[in-house]
Amino acid sequence: MKTALADFKASKEIFALPAGNVAAAIGGELRHEKLDSQIQDLAQYAIGSGIADSKSTKGSRNISALYLEAEVPVIKGLDVQLAARYDKYSDFGKAFNPKVAFKYQPASQIMFRGSASRGFRAPSLFDIFQPDAKTYTNGNNLDDPARCPNGTGQRRGQDGLRHHVFRQAGRQSQFGA
C-alpha cells in the first residue's frame, strides 16, 4: 500500500479568561491511498495457499480532513475541551465527529473527568480490495457445521463477503473520579 500525505497544524493561546488562557488548535490533512495487491503465479496455482484461483486486485481513494480543538478554563479547577473533526472519503462518504470533555479538580487530591464523542472508521483499502481467500477445515475436530459444513472450502472475497464492508460509526461517553 502506498500513501501520499500532506497535513498542517497550528495551535496558539488566543485570549485570556479569569481562570486562564483559552487555547485553540486547527489542522487538516489531504491523503491519497493506493493498494495494488499482486498474486504471484506460484501462490495463485497452489491449492493449499488459501489464495488459489485468486486474482490480483487494486484500488485507491482520496481523503480530506479538517479538525478544530479548544481548551477553555471556565473557572479555577474546571477546564472544558471542545473538538470537532470532519472527514471526507471518496469511497465512503463524509463524517462529522464532535467531542466535549471536562476536567474538574476542586482540590489537589480530587479530580473528576468526563467526555462524550462520536467516532468514525472507514474500512482500510485492504479490507475492501484484499484478494479472494479459501480456507479448509478438514478433520472431525475442525468441522464447523454452520460456517464450513463437511470441511468444504469456503470462499471469502469478490464473490462473497467483501461486498458488504461498511464504515463503522460509534458513540462513547465516560465519567471518572
Foldseek 3Di string as FASTA:
>chain_A
DDKDKDKDKDKDFDDADPQGTKIKMKMKMKMKDKDWFQDDPVLCCDVPNQQHVKHIWMDMKIKMKMKMKMWADPHHQKIKIKMWMWMQIPPAGIDIKIKIKMWGDPDPVDIKIKMKMKDKFADDPCLQIPIKGKDWQDDDVRADCVQQHNRHIDIDDPVDDSVPRHMDMDMDMDMDD
